[in-house]
N, C-alpha and C. Protein backbone atom coordinates (compact mmCIF):
# COMPACT_ATOMS: atom_id res chain seq x y z
N MET A 1 0.82 -1.18 0.00
CA MET A 1 0.00 0.00 0.00
C MET A 1 0.87 1.26 0.00
N ALA A 2 1.92 1.26 0.78
CA ALA A 2 2.81 2.43 0.82
C ALA A 2 3.48 2.64 -0.53
N ASP A 3 3.89 1.56 -1.17
CA ASP A 3 4.52 1.68 -2.49
C ASP A 3 3.56 2.30 -3.50
N ALA A 4 2.31 1.86 -3.49
CA ALA A 4 1.31 2.41 -4.42
C ALA A 4 1.08 3.89 -4.15
N TYR A 5 1.00 4.25 -2.88
CA TYR A 5 0.81 5.65 -2.50
C TYR A 5 1.97 6.51 -3.01
N LEU A 6 3.18 6.07 -2.74
CA LEU A 6 4.36 6.83 -3.16
C LEU A 6 4.49 6.87 -4.68
N GLN A 7 4.13 5.78 -5.36
CA GLN A 7 4.19 5.77 -6.82
C GLN A 7 3.22 6.76 -7.42
N ARG A 8 2.02 6.84 -6.87
CA ARG A 8 1.04 7.79 -7.39
C ARG A 8 1.52 9.23 -7.20
N ARG A 9 2.11 9.51 -6.04
CA ARG A 9 2.65 10.86 -5.81
C ARG A 9 3.76 11.16 -6.81
N ALA A 10 4.64 10.20 -7.02
CA ALA A 10 5.75 10.41 -7.96
C ALA A 10 5.21 10.60 -9.38
N ASP A 11 4.23 9.81 -9.76
CA ASP A 11 3.63 9.96 -11.09
C ASP A 11 3.01 11.33 -11.26
N ALA A 12 2.35 11.82 -10.24
CA ALA A 12 1.71 13.13 -10.33
C ALA A 12 2.74 14.23 -10.53
N VAL A 13 3.87 14.10 -9.90
CA VAL A 13 4.92 15.12 -10.03
C VAL A 13 5.63 15.00 -11.37
N THR A 14 5.99 13.79 -11.76
CA THR A 14 6.82 13.62 -12.96
C THR A 14 6.04 13.70 -14.26
N THR A 15 4.72 13.63 -14.20
CA THR A 15 3.93 13.75 -15.43
C THR A 15 3.26 15.10 -15.53
N GLY A 16 3.67 16.04 -14.73
CA GLY A 16 3.11 17.38 -14.81
C GLY A 16 1.90 17.60 -13.94
N GLY A 17 1.40 16.56 -13.32
CA GLY A 17 0.29 16.74 -12.41
C GLY A 17 -1.03 17.11 -13.06
N SER A 18 -0.99 17.71 -14.24
CA SER A 18 -2.24 18.12 -14.88
C SER A 18 -2.95 16.93 -15.50
N ARG A 19 -2.26 15.85 -15.67
CA ARG A 19 -2.87 14.64 -16.24
C ARG A 19 -2.98 13.59 -15.14
N ILE A 20 -3.90 13.80 -14.23
CA ILE A 20 -4.03 12.89 -13.10
C ILE A 20 -4.86 11.68 -13.49
N ARG A 21 -4.40 10.94 -14.45
CA ARG A 21 -5.08 9.70 -14.81
C ARG A 21 -4.80 8.63 -13.76
N PHE A 22 -3.79 8.85 -12.94
CA PHE A 22 -3.40 7.88 -11.92
C PHE A 22 -4.36 7.89 -10.75
N ALA A 23 -5.07 8.98 -10.56
CA ALA A 23 -5.95 9.10 -9.40
C ALA A 23 -7.09 8.09 -9.43
N SER A 24 -7.47 7.63 -10.60
CA SER A 24 -8.58 6.69 -10.69
C SER A 24 -8.12 5.24 -10.85
N ALA A 25 -6.83 5.01 -10.94
CA ALA A 25 -6.32 3.65 -11.10
C ALA A 25 -6.60 2.85 -9.83
N PRO A 26 -7.13 1.64 -9.96
CA PRO A 26 -7.45 0.85 -8.78
C PRO A 26 -6.19 0.35 -8.07
N VAL A 27 -6.05 0.74 -6.84
CA VAL A 27 -4.94 0.30 -6.00
C VAL A 27 -5.52 -0.01 -4.64
N PRO A 28 -5.19 -1.16 -4.08
CA PRO A 28 -5.74 -1.49 -2.77
C PRO A 28 -5.20 -0.57 -1.69
N MET A 29 -6.09 0.23 -1.10
CA MET A 29 -5.72 1.07 0.04
C MET A 29 -6.98 1.40 0.82
N THR A 30 -6.78 1.81 2.04
CA THR A 30 -7.92 2.15 2.88
C THR A 30 -8.56 3.43 2.39
N ALA A 31 -9.78 3.67 2.81
CA ALA A 31 -10.49 4.89 2.43
C ALA A 31 -9.74 6.12 2.94
N ALA A 32 -9.19 6.04 4.14
CA ALA A 32 -8.45 7.17 4.70
C ALA A 32 -7.19 7.45 3.88
N ALA A 33 -6.49 6.41 3.45
CA ALA A 33 -5.28 6.60 2.64
C ALA A 33 -5.64 7.18 1.28
N ALA A 34 -6.74 6.73 0.70
CA ALA A 34 -7.18 7.27 -0.59
C ALA A 34 -7.55 8.74 -0.46
N GLU A 35 -8.18 9.10 0.64
CA GLU A 35 -8.54 10.51 0.88
C GLU A 35 -7.29 11.36 1.05
N ASN A 36 -6.32 10.86 1.80
CA ASN A 36 -5.05 11.58 1.97
C ASN A 36 -4.34 11.74 0.64
N LEU A 37 -4.33 10.70 -0.16
CA LEU A 37 -3.68 10.75 -1.47
C LEU A 37 -4.35 11.79 -2.36
N ALA A 38 -5.67 11.82 -2.37
CA ALA A 38 -6.39 12.80 -3.18
C ALA A 38 -6.02 14.22 -2.77
N GLY A 39 -5.92 14.45 -1.47
CA GLY A 39 -5.51 15.77 -0.98
C GLY A 39 -4.09 16.11 -1.38
N ASP A 40 -3.21 15.13 -1.29
CA ASP A 40 -1.81 15.34 -1.68
C ASP A 40 -1.69 15.65 -3.16
N LEU A 41 -2.43 14.92 -4.00
CA LEU A 41 -2.35 15.16 -5.43
C LEU A 41 -2.88 16.54 -5.80
N THR A 42 -3.93 16.97 -5.12
CA THR A 42 -4.46 18.31 -5.36
C THR A 42 -3.42 19.36 -4.98
N ALA A 43 -2.79 19.18 -3.82
CA ALA A 43 -1.76 20.12 -3.38
C ALA A 43 -0.58 20.13 -4.35
N LEU A 44 -0.19 18.97 -4.85
CA LEU A 44 0.91 18.90 -5.81
C LEU A 44 0.56 19.61 -7.10
N GLN A 45 -0.69 19.51 -7.54
CA GLN A 45 -1.12 20.22 -8.74
C GLN A 45 -0.99 21.73 -8.54
N HIS A 46 -1.47 22.22 -7.41
CA HIS A 46 -1.40 23.66 -7.13
C HIS A 46 0.05 24.13 -7.05
N THR A 47 0.89 23.35 -6.40
CA THR A 47 2.30 23.70 -6.29
C THR A 47 2.95 23.70 -7.67
N GLY A 48 2.64 22.70 -8.47
CA GLY A 48 3.20 22.61 -9.82
C GLY A 48 2.82 23.81 -10.67
N ARG A 49 1.56 24.22 -10.59
CA ARG A 49 1.12 25.39 -11.36
C ARG A 49 1.83 26.65 -10.90
N ALA A 50 2.00 26.80 -9.59
CA ALA A 50 2.69 27.97 -9.06
C ALA A 50 4.15 27.98 -9.51
N LEU A 51 4.80 26.83 -9.49
CA LEU A 51 6.19 26.75 -9.92
C LEU A 51 6.34 27.03 -11.41
N GLU A 52 5.38 26.58 -12.21
CA GLU A 52 5.43 26.87 -13.64
C GLU A 52 5.34 28.36 -13.90
N LYS A 53 4.51 29.06 -13.13
CA LYS A 53 4.39 30.51 -13.28
C LYS A 53 5.71 31.19 -12.94
N VAL A 54 6.35 30.73 -11.87
CA VAL A 54 7.62 31.33 -11.44
C VAL A 54 8.73 31.05 -12.44
N SER A 55 8.77 29.82 -12.96
CA SER A 55 9.85 29.43 -13.86
C SER A 55 9.56 29.80 -15.31
N GLY A 56 8.40 30.33 -15.57
CA GLY A 56 8.04 30.66 -16.94
C GLY A 56 7.70 29.44 -17.77
N GLY A 57 7.39 28.34 -17.10
CA GLY A 57 7.02 27.12 -17.81
C GLY A 57 8.20 26.34 -18.35
N ILE A 58 9.39 26.60 -17.84
CA ILE A 58 10.59 25.90 -18.33
C ILE A 58 10.44 24.40 -18.15
N ALA A 59 9.96 23.96 -17.01
CA ALA A 59 9.83 22.53 -16.74
C ALA A 59 8.87 21.87 -17.72
N ALA A 60 7.84 22.58 -18.13
CA ALA A 60 6.85 22.01 -19.04
C ALA A 60 7.43 21.81 -20.44
N ARG A 61 8.46 22.56 -20.79
CA ARG A 61 9.05 22.44 -22.13
C ARG A 61 10.15 21.40 -22.20
N MET A 62 10.56 20.86 -21.09
CA MET A 62 11.67 19.89 -21.08
C MET A 62 11.17 18.51 -21.42
């Protein structure tokens, strides 16, 4: 369960976060862990957008 949680977070960061197709992938975890993950992915999306604004979108072009 921990591996799946960490993999989803890593996928959200390394794929730009705007394509959260990973959020709906079936992975065995408790309801509380799924809720925490959803909150984390949302926060990562917001952080990613803020960083893109600061960097001028450099990361998105790489």
